[in-house]
C-alpha atoms as a PDB file:
ATOM      1  CA  MET A   1     103.092 108.547 -83.619  1.00  0.00           C
ATOM      2  CA  GLU A   2     106.383 108.081 -85.428  1.00  0.00           C
ATOM      3  CA  GLU A   3     108.856 105.762 -84.699  1.00  0.00           C
ATOM      4  CA  MET A   4     112.053 106.976 -82.783  1.00  0.00           C
ATOM      5  CA  VAL A   5     115.312 105.361 -82.782  1.00  0.00           C
ATOM      6  CA  ASP A   6     118.350 105.234 -80.941  1.00  0.00           C
ATOM      7  CA  VAL A   7     121.655 107.080 -82.949  1.00  0.00           C
ATOM      8  CA  TYR A   8     124.066 104.671 -82.733  1.00  0.00           C
ATOM      9  CA  ASP A   9     128.090 105.847 -83.343  1.00  0.00           C
ATOM     10  CA  SER A  10     129.438 104.079 -86.993  1.00  0.00           C
ATOM     11  CA  LEU A  11     132.659 103.251 -85.816  1.00  0.00           C
ATOM     12  CA  THR A  12     131.608 101.642 -82.172  1.00  0.00           C
ATOM     13  CA  GLY A  13     128.260 100.617 -82.913  1.00  0.00           C
ATOM     14  CA  GLU A  14     127.296 101.663 -79.826  1.00  0.00           C
ATOM     15  CA  LYS A  15     124.455 104.700 -78.986  1.00  0.00           C
ATOM     16  CA  THR A  16     125.541 107.750 -78.967  1.00  0.00           C
ATOM     17  CA  GLY A  17     122.725 108.717 -76.402  1.00  0.00           C
ATOM     18  CA  GLU A  18     120.568 111.088 -78.875  1.00  0.00           C
ATOM     19  CA  VAL A  19     117.091 110.021 -80.379  1.00  0.00           C
ATOM     20  CA  ILE A  20     115.715 110.826 -83.706  1.00  0.00           C
ATOM     21  CA  SER A  21     112.503 110.001 -85.737  1.00  0.00           C
ATOM     22  CA  LYS A  22     113.131 106.091 -88.342  1.00  0.00           C
ATOM     23  CA  ASN A  23     112.456 108.641 -91.293  1.00  0.00           C
ATOM     24  CA  GLU A  24     115.126 111.112 -90.320  1.00  0.00           C
ATOM     25  CA  ALA A  25     117.589 108.334 -89.919  1.00  0.00           C
ATOM     26  CA  HIS A  26     116.562 106.905 -93.029  1.00  0.00           C
ATOM     27  CA  SER A  27     116.504 110.117 -95.300  1.00  0.00           C
ATOM     28  CA  LYS A  28     119.955 112.024 -93.792  1.00  0.00           C
ATOM     29  CA  GLY A  29     121.639 108.369 -93.553  1.00  0.00           C
ATOM     30  CA  VAL A  30     122.409 108.264 -90.264  1.00  0.00           C
ATOM     31  CA  TRP A  31     123.493 104.774 -88.251  1.00  0.00           C
ATOM     32  CA  HIS A  32     120.251 102.779 -85.989  1.00  0.00           C
ATOM     33  CA  SER A  33     119.734  99.614 -85.231  1.00  0.00           C
ATOM     34  CA  SER A  34     117.556  97.013 -86.436  1.00  0.00           C
ATOM     35  CA  ILE A  35     116.724  93.326 -85.807  1.00  0.00           C
ATOM     36  CA  HIS A  36     116.604  90.037 -87.946  1.00  0.00           C
ATOM     37  CA  ILE A  37     115.624  86.337 -87.418  1.00  0.00           C
ATOM     38  CA  LEU A  38     116.136  83.709 -89.513  1.00  0.00           C
ATOM     39  CA  LEU A  39     113.604  80.842 -88.829  1.00  0.00           C
ATOM     40  CA  VAL A  40     115.280  77.451 -90.462  1.00  0.00           C
ATOM     41  CA  ASN A  41     113.274  73.929 -89.596  1.00  0.00           C
ATOM     42  CA  LYS A  42     114.873  71.585 -87.261  1.00  0.00           C
ATOM     43  CA  GLU A  43     116.726  69.466 -89.924  1.00  0.00           C
ATOM     44  CA  LYS A  44     118.105  72.834 -91.007  1.00  0.00           C
ATOM     45  CA  ASN A  45     117.115  71.943 -94.337  1.00  0.00           C
ATOM     46  CA  LYS A  46     115.009  74.673 -94.865  1.00  0.00           C
ATOM     47  CA  ILE A  47     114.697  78.891 -94.292  1.00  0.00           C
ATOM     48  CA  LEU A  48     111.312  80.776 -93.613  1.00  0.00           C
ATOM     49  CA  LEU A  49     111.235  83.384 -96.339  1.00  0.00           C
ATOM     50  CA  GLN A  50     108.888  86.024 -96.116  1.00  0.00           C
ATOM     51  CA  LYS A  51     107.536  88.505 -99.362  1.00  0.00           C
ATOM     52  CA  ARG A  52     107.118  92.211 -98.574  1.00  0.00           C
ATOM     53  CA  CYS A  53     103.698  93.571 -99.609  1.00  0.00           C
ATOM     54  CA  ALA A  54     103.684  95.973-102.628  1.00  0.00           C
ATOM     55  CA  ASP A  55     102.828  98.946-100.485  1.00  0.00           C
ATOM     56  CA  LYS A  56     106.476  99.199 -98.707  1.00  0.00           C
ATOM     57  CA  LYS A  57     108.653 102.272 -99.967  1.00  0.00           C
ATOM     58  CA  LEU A  58     111.707  99.727 -98.996  1.00  0.00           C
ATOM     59  CA  TYR A  59     111.819  96.830-101.956  1.00  0.00           C
ATOM     60  CA  PRO A  60     107.989  95.784-102.112  1.00  0.00           C
ATOM     61  CA  ASN A  61     107.082  92.497-103.403  1.00  0.00           C
ATOM     62  CA  ARG A  62     110.369  91.447-103.034  1.00  0.00           C
ATOM     63  CA  TRP A  63     111.607  88.313-100.920  1.00  0.00           C
ATOM     64  CA  ASP A  64     113.590  88.940 -97.781  1.00  0.00           C
ATOM     65  CA  ILE A  65     114.862  87.202 -94.576  1.00  0.00           C
ATOM     66  CA  THR A  66     112.364  85.677 -92.045  1.00  0.00           C
ATOM     67  CA  VAL A  67     111.379  88.929 -90.005  1.00  0.00           C
ATOM     68  CA  GLY A  68     113.128  92.383 -89.743  1.00  0.00           C
ATOM     69  CA  GLY A  69     112.665  95.637 -87.793  1.00  0.00           C
ATOM     70  CA  HIS A  70     113.673  98.318 -86.251  1.00  0.00           C
ATOM     71  CA  ILE A  71     114.571  98.753 -83.237  1.00  0.00           C
ATOM     72  CA  SER A  72     112.735 101.147 -81.100  1.00  0.00           C
ATOM     73  CA  ALA A  73     114.319 104.038 -78.836  1.00  0.00           C
ATOM     74  CA  GLY A  74     115.355 102.448 -75.452  1.00  0.00           C
ATOM     75  CA  GLU A  75     114.618  99.063 -76.453  1.00  0.00           C
ATOM     76  CA  GLU A  76     116.784  96.170 -75.859  1.00  0.00           C
ATOM     77  CA  PRO A  77     117.480  94.031 -79.309  1.00  0.00           C
ATOM     78  CA  LEU A  78     116.135  91.158 -78.043  1.00  0.00           C
ATOM     79  CA  VAL A  79     113.160  92.555 -77.462  1.00  0.00           C
ATOM     80  CA  SER A  80     112.567  93.648 -80.701  1.00  0.00           C
ATOM     81  CA  ALA A  81     113.053  90.612 -82.039  1.00  0.00           C
ATOM     82  CA  HIS A  82     110.522  89.138 -80.049  1.00  0.00           C
ATOM     83  CA  ARG A  83     108.210  91.871 -80.671  1.00  0.00           C
ATOM     84  CA  GLU A  84     108.541  91.789 -84.170  1.00  0.00           C
ATOM     85  CA  LEU A  85     108.334  88.109 -84.607  1.00  0.00           C
ATOM     86  CA  GLU A  86     105.138  88.542 -82.873  1.00  0.00           C
ATOM     87  CA  GLU A  87     103.804  91.753 -85.256  1.00  0.00           C
ATOM     88  CA  GLU A  88     104.970  90.280 -88.471  1.00  0.00           C
ATOM     89  CA  LEU A  89     104.515  86.147 -88.392  1.00  0.00           C
ATOM     90  CA  GLY A  90     101.788  86.680 -85.544  1.00  0.00           C
ATOM     91  CA  LEU A  91     103.623  83.834 -83.949  1.00  0.00           C
ATOM     92  CA  ASP A  92     103.774  83.798 -79.954  1.00  0.00           C
ATOM     93  CA  SER A  93     107.574  84.413 -79.321  1.00  0.00           C
ATOM     94  CA  LYS A  94     107.525  82.826 -75.735  1.00  0.00           C
ATOM     95  CA  ASN A  95     107.652  79.492 -77.925  1.00  0.00           C
ATOM     96  CA  TYR A  96     110.843  79.462 -79.474  1.00  0.00           C
ATOM     97  CA  GLU A  97     114.522  80.065 -78.720  1.00  0.00           C
ATOM     98  CA  PHE A  98     116.276  83.219 -80.193  1.00  0.00           C
ATOM     99  CA  LYS A  99     120.512  82.494 -80.430  1.00  0.00           C
ATOM    100  CA  PHE A 100     122.417  85.433 -81.395  1.00  0.00           C
ATOM    101  CA  LEU A 101     124.510  85.096 -84.355  1.00  0.00           C
ATOM    102  CA  ASN A 102     126.101  88.435 -84.471  1.00  0.00           C
ATOM    103  CA  LYS A 103     125.530  91.935 -84.640  1.00  0.00           C
ATOM    104  CA  ILE A 104     127.169  93.267 -88.614  1.00  0.00           C
ATOM    105  CA  LYS A 105     126.877  96.359 -90.476  1.00  0.00           C
ATOM    106  CA  GLU A 106     124.749  96.764 -93.330  1.00  0.00           C
ATOM    107  CA  GLU A 107     123.897  99.631 -95.401  1.00  0.00           C
ATOM    108  CA  PHE A 108     121.971 100.356 -98.808  1.00  0.00           C
ATOM    109  CA  ILE A 109     120.165 103.286-100.551  1.00  0.00           C
ATOM    110  CA  ASN A 110     116.686 102.293-102.008  1.00  0.00           C
ATOM    111  CA  ASN A 111     113.761 104.115-103.322  1.00  0.00           C
ATOM    112  CA  GLY A 112     115.127 107.586-101.970  1.00  0.00           C
ATOM    113  CA  VAL A 113     115.650 105.353 -98.610  1.00  0.00           C
ATOM    114  CA  ASN A 114     119.702 105.591 -97.095  1.00  0.00           C
ATOM    115  CA  SER A 115     120.106 103.261 -94.344  1.00  0.00           C
ATOM    116  CA  LYS A 116     122.361 102.531 -92.587  1.00  0.00           C
ATOM    117  CA  GLU A 117     121.673 100.157 -89.811  1.00  0.00           C
ATOM    118  CA  PHE A 118     123.432  98.056 -86.967  1.00  0.00           C
ATOM    119  CA  VAL A 119     121.586  94.690 -87.449  1.00  0.00           C
ATOM    120  CA  TYR A 120     121.228  92.013 -84.463  1.00  0.00           C
ATOM    121  CA  VAL A 121     121.062  89.154 -86.761  1.00  0.00           C
ATOM    122  CA  TYR A 122     118.939  85.640 -84.484  1.00  0.00           C
ATOM    123  CA  LEU A 123     118.183  82.497 -85.354  1.00  0.00           C
ATOM    124  CA  ILE A 124     115.717  80.261 -84.408  1.00  0.00           C
ATOM    125  CA  GLU A 125     115.227  76.661 -84.764  1.00  0.00           C
ATOM    126  CA  ALA A 126     111.447  75.554 -85.231  1.00  0.00           C
ATOM    127  CA  ASP A 127     108.951  73.357 -87.105  1.00  0.00           C
ATOM    128  CA  VAL A 128     106.381  76.188 -88.228  1.00  0.00           C
ATOM    129  CA  ASP A 129     103.398  74.806 -89.934  1.00  0.00           C
ATOM    130  CA  VAL A 130     102.562  78.238 -92.644  1.00  0.00           C
ATOM    131  CA  LYS A 131      98.809  77.767 -91.956  1.00  0.00           C
ATOM    132  CA  ASN A 132      99.407  79.007 -87.813  1.00  0.00           C
ATOM    133  CA  ILE A 133     100.999  82.422 -89.456  1.00  0.00           C
ATOM    134  CA  THR A 134      99.231  85.460 -89.523  1.00  0.00           C
ATOM    135  CA  LEU A 135     100.494  88.082 -91.314  1.00  0.00           C
ATOM    136  CA  GLN A 136     100.939  91.664 -90.694  1.00  0.00           C
ATOM    137  CA  LYS A 137      99.256  93.182 -93.878  1.00  0.00           C
ATOM    138  CA  GLU A 138     101.207  96.540 -94.071  1.00  0.00           C
ATOM    139  CA  GLU A 139     104.450  94.249 -94.368  1.00  0.00           C
ATOM    140  CA  VAL A 140     103.729  91.188 -95.548  1.00  0.00           C
ATOM    141  CA  SER A 141     101.781  89.615 -98.338  1.00  0.00           C
ATOM    142  CA  GLU A 142     103.402  85.651 -97.679  1.00  0.00           C
ATOM    143  CA  ALA A 143     105.501  83.387 -96.030  1.00  0.00           C
ATOM    144  CA  ARG A 144     106.839  80.320 -97.134  1.00  0.00           C
ATOM    145  CA  TRP A 145     109.557  77.722 -96.840  1.00  0.00           C
ATOM    146  CA  PHE A 146     112.392  76.975 -99.591  1.00  0.00           C
ATOM    147  CA  LYS A 147     114.870  74.380 -99.728  1.00  0.00           C
ATOM    148  CA  LYS A 148     118.590  75.742 -99.563  1.00  0.00           C
ATOM    149  CA  GLN A 149     118.679  75.195-103.490  1.00  0.00           C
ATOM    150  CA  GLU A 150     115.981  77.527-104.302  1.00  0.00           C
ATOM    151  CA  PHE A 151     117.372  79.959-101.397  1.00  0.00           C
ATOM    152  CA  LEU A 152     120.715  79.857-103.112  1.00  0.00           C
ATOM    153  CA  ASP A 153     118.533  80.546-106.790  1.00  0.00           C
ATOM    154  CA  LEU A 154     116.975  83.737-105.387  1.00  0.00           C
ATOM    155  CA  ILE A 155     119.901  85.214-104.798  1.00  0.00           C
ATOM    156  CA  GLU A 156     121.316  84.355-107.932  1.00  0.00           C
ATOM    157  CA  LYS A 157     118.614  86.070-109.819  1.00  0.00           C
ATOM    158  CA  LYS A 158     118.412  88.944-107.240  1.00  0.00           C
ATOM    159  CA  GLN A 159     114.904  88.170-106.168  1.00  0.00           C
ATOM    160  CA  ILE A 160     115.675  88.710-102.614  1.00  0.00           C
ATOM    161  CA  ILE A 161     116.780  91.830-100.861  1.00  0.00           C
ATOM    162  CA  ASN A 162     120.520  91.414-100.315  1.00  0.00           C
ATOM    163  CA  HIS A 163     121.962  90.614 -97.104  1.00  0.00           C
ATOM    164  CA  TRP A 164     124.851  89.059 -98.153  1.00  0.00           C
ATOM    165  CA  GLN A 165     126.280  88.775 -94.209  1.00  0.00           C
ATOM    166  CA  GLU A 166     123.605  86.838 -93.704  1.00  0.00           C
ATOM    167  CA  PHE A 167     123.392  84.965 -96.418  1.00  0.00           C
ATOM    168  CA  GLU A 168     127.232  83.888 -95.685  1.00  0.00           C
ATOM    169  CA  MET A 169     125.801  82.778 -92.127  1.00  0.00           C
ATOM    170  CA  LEU A 170     122.816  80.681 -93.914  1.00  0.00           C
ATOM    171  CA  LYS A 171     124.762  79.084 -96.227  1.00  0.00           C
ATOM    172  CA  ASP A 172     126.994  77.443 -92.979  1.00  0.00           C
ATOM    173  CA  ILE A 173     123.499  76.860 -91.638  1.00  0.00           C
ATOM    174  CA  LEU A 174     121.507  75.641 -94.198  1.00  0.00           C
ATOM    175  CA  VAL A 175     122.436  71.845 -94.836  1.00  0.00           C
END
């Protein structure tokens, strides 16, 4: 079944009441919504990043923020965040506190996809052992911790998807 998303007004960032497929939103550049989760350790000196699998249409084999996913039509952002954490990393979302950081506008074009999203960004502070992570094979090929300088090196070398607004948030969070 095709994933459906709510259409958002490009100026107000509010739902319009229209629902379309994620594929249509990406092919036509229609504003919709997603969630991103930034998971940092309790000492705030590392961030957990995921590497996208080779079969992904967008940015295959590139490092990305901890968790990202679309908000399904009619779904609340926090519900999506919980669902995506469990799907992509196999972590029980009830064990974590989700702190809402911001709602940002993000747009990019990659490999024929015109993505225009209002992104609800959440922070989780937790010490997660990567051995306890179960990767969603269709989405994620690897997950590992990066120290702040390693993270900054990924940005400089363009080895991570450009989420510039979130990178600025992380620069303030990580020590």
